[in-house]
Amino acid sequence: MVIFQIIVAILLIGVILLQQQGSGLGTSWGGSGTSYHTRQGLEKLLFRFTIILVIVFVGLAVWALL
């Protein structure tokens, strides 16, 4: 079970790192972050895959407690 959690965690880290941020760190350092856009194509797929991986990871963690 721990192996599955490690695999899911590594996949989750990879998917999060692949997601693009339009402004990078600019908004963190006081830049204007007023541009909004909708997710399309690969960005939408990565976003949904991230949500699925988070649900699987939390599910495995809860299952490990039982």
PDB file of N, CA and C in Angstrom:
ATOM      1  N   MET A   1       0.823  -1.189   0.000  1.00  0.00           N
ATOM      2  CA  MET A   1       0.000   0.000   0.000  1.00  0.00           C
ATOM      3  C   MET A   1       0.866   1.252   0.000  1.00  0.00           C
ATOM      4  N   VAL A   2       1.942   1.223   0.756  1.00  0.00           N
ATOM      5  CA  VAL A   2       2.832   2.384   0.820  1.00  0.00           C
ATOM      6  C   VAL A   2       3.445   2.644  -0.552  1.00  0.00           C
ATOM      7  N   ILE A   3       3.701   1.589  -1.289  1.00  0.00           N
ATOM      8  CA  ILE A   3       4.265   1.732  -2.637  1.00  0.00           C
ATOM      9  C   ILE A   3       3.309   2.523  -3.528  1.00  0.00           C
ATOM     10  N   PHE A   4       2.000   2.211  -3.434  1.00  0.00           N
ATOM     11  CA  PHE A   4       1.011   2.927  -4.240  1.00  0.00           C
ATOM     12  C   PHE A   4       0.956   4.403  -3.860  1.00  0.00           C
ATOM     13  N   GLN A   5       1.051   4.683  -2.564  1.00  0.00           N
ATOM     14  CA  GLN A   5       1.043   6.079  -2.121  1.00  0.00           C
ATOM     15  C   GLN A   5       2.268   6.825  -2.646  1.00  0.00           C
ATOM     16  N   ILE A   6       3.411   6.185  -2.642  1.00  0.00           N
ATOM     17  CA  ILE A   6       4.633   6.817  -3.149  1.00  0.00           C
ATOM     18  C   ILE A   6       4.516   7.082  -4.643  1.00  0.00           C
ATOM     19  N   ILE A   7       3.982   6.113  -5.383  1.00  0.00           N
ATOM     20  CA  ILE A   7       3.824   6.274  -6.832  1.00  0.00           C
ATOM     21  C   ILE A   7       2.859   7.418  -7.135  1.00  0.00           C
ATOM     22  N   VAL A   8       1.719   7.453  -6.421  1.00  0.00           N
ATOM     23  CA  VAL A   8       0.736   8.508  -6.643  1.00  0.00           C
ATOM     24  C   VAL A   8       1.322   9.867  -6.258  1.00  0.00           C
ATOM     25  N   ALA A   9       2.093   9.912  -5.172  1.00  0.00           N
ATOM     26  CA  ALA A   9       2.705  11.177  -4.748  1.00  0.00           C
ATOM     27  C   ALA A   9       3.698  11.685  -5.786  1.00  0.00           C
ATOM     28  N   ILE A  10       4.496  10.803  -6.359  1.00  0.00           N
ATOM     29  CA  ILE A  10       5.455  11.208  -7.385  1.00  0.00           C
ATOM     30  C   ILE A  10       4.726  11.697  -8.634  1.00  0.00           C
ATOM     31  N   LEU A  11       3.668  10.980  -9.028  1.00  0.00           N
ATOM     32  CA  LEU A  11       2.872  11.426 -10.178  1.00  0.00           C
ATOM     33  C   LEU A  11       2.233  12.781  -9.906  1.00  0.00           C
ATOM     34  N   LEU A  12       1.743  12.969  -8.693  1.00  0.00           N
ATOM     35  CA  LEU A  12       1.113  14.232  -8.326  1.00  0.00           C
ATOM     36  C   LEU A  12       2.107  15.388  -8.379  1.00  0.00           C
ATOM     37  N   ILE A  13       3.289  15.174  -7.871  1.00  0.00           N
ATOM     38  CA  ILE A  13       4.333  16.202  -7.937  1.00  0.00           C
ATOM     39  C   ILE A  13       4.664  16.537  -9.387  1.00  0.00           C
ATOM     40  N   GLY A  14       4.797  15.516 -10.215  1.00  0.00           N
ATOM     41  CA  GLY A  14       5.116  15.731 -11.625  1.00  0.00           C
ATOM     42  C   GLY A  14       4.041  16.513 -12.353  1.00  0.00           C
ATOM     43  N   VAL A  15       2.773  16.160 -12.105  1.00  0.00           N
ATOM     44  CA  VAL A  15       1.669  16.842 -12.783  1.00  0.00           C
ATOM     45  C   VAL A  15       1.581  18.296 -12.323  1.00  0.00           C
ATOM     46  N   ILE A  16       1.793  18.532 -11.030  1.00  0.00           N
ATOM     47  CA  ILE A  16       1.758  19.910 -10.529  1.00  0.00           C
ATOM     48  C   ILE A  16       2.881  20.735 -11.143  1.00  0.00           C
ATOM     49  N   LEU A  17       4.060  20.146 -11.270  1.00  0.00           N
ATOM     50  CA  LEU A  17       5.176  20.882 -11.859  1.00  0.00           C
ATOM     51  C   LEU A  17       4.985  21.146 -13.351  1.00  0.00           C
ATOM     52  N   LEU A  18       4.208  20.304 -14.036  1.00  0.00           N
ATOM     53  CA  LEU A  18       3.967  20.496 -15.463  1.00  0.00           C
ATOM     54  C   LEU A  18       2.964  21.612 -15.755  1.00  0.00           C
ATOM     55  N   GLN A  19       2.153  21.942 -14.773  1.00  0.00           N
ATOM     56  CA  GLN A  19       1.144  22.975 -15.002  1.00  0.00           C
ATOM     57  C   GLN A  19       1.820  24.323 -15.166  1.00  0.00           C
ATOM     58  N   GLN A  20       1.355  25.057 -16.142  1.00  0.00           N
ATOM     59  CA  GLN A  20       1.927  26.370 -16.417  1.00  0.00           C
ATOM     60  C   GLN A  20       1.190  27.434 -15.639  1.00  0.00           C
ATOM     61  N   GLN A  21       1.933  28.378 -15.144  1.00  0.00           N
ATOM     62  CA  GLN A  21       1.351  29.559 -14.533  1.00  0.00           C
ATOM     63  C   GLN A  21       1.655  30.717 -15.471  1.00  0.00           C
ATOM     64  N   GLY A  22       0.617  31.414 -15.896  1.00  0.00           N
ATOM     65  CA  GLY A  22       0.782  32.479 -16.876  1.00  0.00           C
ATOM     66  C   GLY A  22       1.724  33.576 -16.420  1.00  0.00           C
ATOM     67  N   SER A  23       1.685  33.944 -15.150  1.00  0.00           N
ATOM     68  CA  SER A  23       2.502  35.061 -14.698  1.00  0.00           C
ATOM     69  C   SER A  23       3.711  34.626 -13.891  1.00  0.00           C
ATOM     70  N   GLY A  24       3.869  33.360 -13.642  1.00  0.00           N
ATOM     71  CA  GLY A  24       5.015  32.883 -12.868  1.00  0.00           C
ATOM     72  C   GLY A  24       5.000  33.422 -11.454  1.00  0.00           C
ATOM     73  N   LEU A  25       6.129  33.907 -10.982  1.00  0.00           N
ATOM     74  CA  LEU A  25       6.209  34.451  -9.634  1.00  0.00           C
ATOM     75  C   LEU A  25       5.898  35.935  -9.586  1.00  0.00           C
ATOM     76  N   GLY A  26       5.510  36.502 -10.701  1.00  0.00           N
ATOM     77  CA  GLY A  26       5.253  37.940 -10.755  1.00  0.00           C
ATOM     78  C   GLY A  26       4.212  38.408  -9.759  1.00  0.00           C
ATOM     79  N   THR A  27       3.135  37.627  -9.586  1.00  0.00           N
ATOM     80  CA  THR A  27       2.093  38.039  -8.647  1.00  0.00           C
ATOM     81  C   THR A  27       2.535  37.859  -7.203  1.00  0.00           C
ATOM     82  N   SER A  28       3.465  36.979  -6.953  1.00  0.00           N
ATOM     83  CA  SER A  28       3.948  36.768  -5.587  1.00  0.00           C
ATOM     84  C   SER A  28       4.750  37.953  -5.098  1.00  0.00           C
ATOM     85  N   TRP A  29       5.384  38.654  -6.006  1.00  0.00           N
ATOM     86  CA  TRP A  29       6.269  39.753  -5.644  1.00  0.00           C
ATOM     87  C   TRP A  29       5.626  41.107  -5.894  1.00  0.00           C
ATOM     88  N   GLY A  30       4.304  41.142  -5.877  1.00  0.00           N
ATOM     89  CA  GLY A  30       3.615  42.420  -5.982  1.00  0.00           C
ATOM     90  C   GLY A  30       3.190  42.792  -7.380  1.00  0.00           C
ATOM     91  N   GLY A  31       3.342  41.882  -8.337  1.00  0.00           N
ATOM     92  CA  GLY A  31       2.909  42.187  -9.695  1.00  0.00           C
ATOM     93  C   GLY A  31       1.397  42.126  -9.814  1.00  0.00           C
ATOM     94  N   SER A  32       0.896  42.617 -10.901  1.00  0.00           N
ATOM     95  CA  SER A  32      -0.546  42.625 -11.120  1.00  0.00           C
ATOM     96  C   SER A  32      -0.999  41.251 -11.590  1.00  0.00           C
ATOM     97  N   GLY A  33      -1.926  40.660 -10.877  1.00  0.00           N
ATOM     98  CA  GLY A  33      -2.428  39.344 -11.238  1.00  0.00           C
ATOM     99  C   GLY A  33      -3.880  39.386 -11.641  1.00  0.00           C
ATOM    100  N   THR A  34      -4.246  40.336 -12.482  1.00  0.00           N
ATOM    101  CA  THR A  34      -5.646  40.524 -12.825  1.00  0.00           C
ATOM    102  C   THR A  34      -6.052  39.826 -14.112  1.00  0.00           C
ATOM    103  N   SER A  35      -5.183  39.065 -14.745  1.00  0.00           N
ATOM    104  CA  SER A  35      -5.563  38.388 -15.982  1.00  0.00           C
ATOM    105  C   SER A  35      -6.107  37.001 -15.661  1.00  0.00           C
ATOM    106  N   TYR A  36      -7.293  36.720 -16.175  1.00  0.00           N
ATOM    107  CA  TYR A  36      -7.941  35.437 -15.967  1.00  0.00           C
ATOM    108  C   TYR A  36      -8.158  34.785 -17.331  1.00  0.00           C
ATOM    109  N   HIS A  37      -8.059  33.472 -17.355  1.00  0.00           N
ATOM    110  CA  HIS A  37      -8.313  32.759 -18.589  1.00  0.00           C
ATOM    111  C   HIS A  37      -8.923  31.401 -18.269  1.00  0.00           C
ATOM    112  N   THR A  38      -9.533  30.792 -19.269  1.00  0.00           N
ATOM    113  CA  THR A  38     -10.101  29.468 -19.076  1.00  0.00           C
ATOM    114  C   THR A  38      -9.069  28.425 -19.491  1.00  0.00           C
ATOM    115  N   ARG A  39      -9.151  27.288 -18.851  1.00  0.00           N
ATOM    116  CA  ARG A  39      -8.217  26.209 -19.181  1.00  0.00           C
ATOM    117  C   ARG A  39      -8.680  25.522 -20.467  1.00  0.00           C
ATOM    118  N   GLN A  40      -7.720  25.219 -21.333  1.00  0.00           N
ATOM    119  CA  GLN A  40      -8.045  24.556 -22.588  1.00  0.00           C
ATOM    120  C   GLN A  40      -6.992  23.511 -22.891  1.00  0.00           C
ATOM    121  N   GLY A  41      -7.389  22.473 -23.581  1.00  0.00           N
ATOM    122  CA  GLY A  41      -6.463  21.466 -24.074  1.00  0.00           C
ATOM    123  C   GLY A  41      -5.705  20.746 -22.981  1.00  0.00           C
ATOM    124  N   LEU A  42      -4.383  20.733 -23.125  1.00  0.00           N
ATOM    125  CA  LEU A  42      -3.512  19.997 -22.210  1.00  0.00           C
ATOM    126  C   LEU A  42      -3.589  20.560 -20.801  1.00  0.00           C
ATOM    127  N   GLU A  43      -3.742  21.869 -20.674  1.00  0.00           N
ATOM    128  CA  GLU A  43      -3.838  22.489 -19.351  1.00  0.00           C
ATOM    129  C   GLU A  43      -5.070  21.983 -18.601  1.00  0.00           C
ATOM    130  N   LYS A  44      -6.185  21.828 -19.306  1.00  0.00           N
ATOM    131  CA  LYS A  44      -7.407  21.315 -18.694  1.00  0.00           C
ATOM    132  C   LYS A  44      -7.226  19.853 -18.296  1.00  0.00           C
ATOM    133  N   LEU A  45      -6.578  19.071 -19.145  1.00  0.00           N
ATOM    134  CA  LEU A  45      -6.318  17.661 -18.861  1.00  0.00           C
ATOM    135  C   LEU A  45      -5.425  17.510 -17.629  1.00  0.00           C
ATOM    136  N   LEU A  46      -4.366  18.309 -17.540  1.00  0.00           N
ATOM    137  CA  LEU A  46      -3.479  18.253 -16.383  1.00  0.00           C
ATOM    138  C   LEU A  46      -4.206  18.662 -15.111  1.00  0.00           C
ATOM    139  N   PHE A  47      -5.067  19.654 -15.199  1.00  0.00           N
ATOM    140  CA  PHE A  47      -5.833  20.112 -14.046  1.00  0.00           C
ATOM    141  C   PHE A  47      -6.750  19.010 -13.533  1.00  0.00           C
ATOM    142  N   ARG A  48      -7.468  18.366 -14.428  1.00  0.00           N
ATOM    143  CA  ARG A  48      -8.379  17.284 -14.029  1.00  0.00           C
ATOM    144  C   ARG A  48      -7.606  16.073 -13.506  1.00  0.00           C
ATOM    145  N   PHE A  49      -6.472  15.762 -14.131  1.00  0.00           N
ATOM    146  CA  PHE A  49      -5.647  14.644 -13.672  1.00  0.00           C
ATOM    147  C   PHE A  49      -5.098  14.930 -12.275  1.00  0.00           C
ATOM    148  N   THR A  50      -4.780  16.190 -11.989  1.00  0.00           N
ATOM    149  CA  THR A  50      -4.318  16.579 -10.659  1.00  0.00           C
ATOM    150  C   THR A  50      -5.407  16.326  -9.626  1.00  0.00           C
ATOM    151  N   ILE A  51      -6.634  16.704  -9.940  1.00  0.00           N
ATOM    152  CA  ILE A  51      -7.748  16.484  -9.024  1.00  0.00           C
ATOM    153  C   ILE A  51      -7.951  14.997  -8.773  1.00  0.00           C
ATOM    154  N   ILE A  52      -7.896  14.197  -9.827  1.00  0.00           N
ATOM    155  CA  ILE A  52      -8.061  12.748  -9.687  1.00  0.00           C
ATOM    156  C   ILE A  52      -6.955  12.162  -8.815  1.00  0.00           C
ATOM    157  N   LEU A  53      -5.710  12.586  -9.049  1.00  0.00           N
ATOM    158  CA  LEU A  53      -4.596  12.074  -8.251  1.00  0.00           C
ATOM    159  C   LEU A  53      -4.717  12.474  -6.787  1.00  0.00           C
ATOM    160  N   VAL A  54      -5.196  13.680  -6.507  1.00  0.00           N
ATOM    161  CA  VAL A  54      -5.389  14.107  -5.120  1.00  0.00           C
ATOM    162  C   VAL A  54      -6.448  13.239  -4.448  1.00  0.00           C
ATOM    163  N   ILE A  55      -7.540  12.968  -5.147  1.00  0.00           N
ATOM    164  CA  ILE A  55      -8.595  12.121  -4.584  1.00  0.00           C
ATOM    165  C   ILE A  55      -8.073  10.716  -4.318  1.00  0.00           C
ATOM    166  N   VAL A  56      -7.306  10.162  -5.255  1.00  0.00           N
ATOM    167  CA  VAL A  56      -6.726   8.829  -5.067  1.00  0.00           C
ATOM    168  C   VAL A  56      -5.752   8.823  -3.896  1.00  0.00           C
ATOM    169  N   PHE A  57      -4.924   9.858  -3.802  1.00  0.00           N
ATOM    170  CA  PHE A  57      -3.944   9.937  -2.724  1.00  0.00           C
ATOM    171  C   PHE A  57      -4.625  10.014  -1.361  1.00  0.00           C
ATOM    172  N   VAL A  58      -5.632  10.860  -1.240  1.00  0.00           N
ATOM    173  CA  VAL A  58      -6.367  10.980   0.030  1.00  0.00           C
ATOM    174  C   VAL A  58      -7.091   9.678   0.344  1.00  0.00           C
ATOM    175  N   GLY A  59      -7.679   9.057  -0.673  1.00  0.00           N
ATOM    176  CA  GLY A  59      -8.339   7.774  -0.476  1.00  0.00           C
ATOM    177  C   GLY A  59      -7.390   6.703   0.032  1.00  0.00           C
ATOM    178  N   LEU A  60      -6.208   6.635  -0.535  1.00  0.00           N
ATOM    179  CA  LEU A  60      -5.206   5.669  -0.067  1.00  0.00           C
ATOM    180  C   LEU A  60      -4.748   5.971   1.362  1.00  0.00           C
ATOM    181  N   ALA A  61      -4.623   7.242   1.686  1.00  0.00           N
ATOM    182  CA  ALA A  61      -4.205   7.622   3.042  1.00  0.00           C
ATOM    183  C   ALA A  61      -5.280   7.228   4.062  1.00  0.00           C
ATOM    184  N   VAL A  62      -6.545   7.473   3.730  1.00  0.00           N
ATOM    185  CA  VAL A  62      -7.628   7.103   4.639  1.00  0.00           C
ATOM    186  C   VAL A  62      -7.713   5.597   4.765  1.00  0.00           C
ATOM    187  N   TRP A  63      -7.570   4.897   3.639  1.00  0.00           N
ATOM    188  CA  TRP A  63      -7.623   3.433   3.654  1.00  0.00           C
ATOM    189  C   TRP A  63      -6.503   2.841   4.496  1.00  0.00           C
ATOM    190  N   ALA A  64      -5.339   3.487   4.497  1.00  0.00           N
ATOM    191  CA  ALA A  64      -4.200   3.013   5.282  1.00  0.00           C
ATOM    192  C   ALA A  64      -4.472   3.153   6.772  1.00  0.00           C
ATOM    193  N   LEU A  65      -5.318   4.117   7.148  1.00  0.00           N
ATOM    194  CA  LEU A  65      -5.640   4.308   8.560  1.00  0.00           C
ATOM    195  C   LEU A  65      -6.623   3.262   9.085  1.00  0.00           C
ATOM    196  N   LEU A  66      -7.398   2.679   8.181  1.00  0.00           N
ATOM    197  CA  LEU A  66      -8.408   1.701   8.604  1.00  0.00           C
ATOM    198  C   LEU A  66      -7.861   0.348   8.893  1.00  0.00           C
TER     199      LEU A  66
END
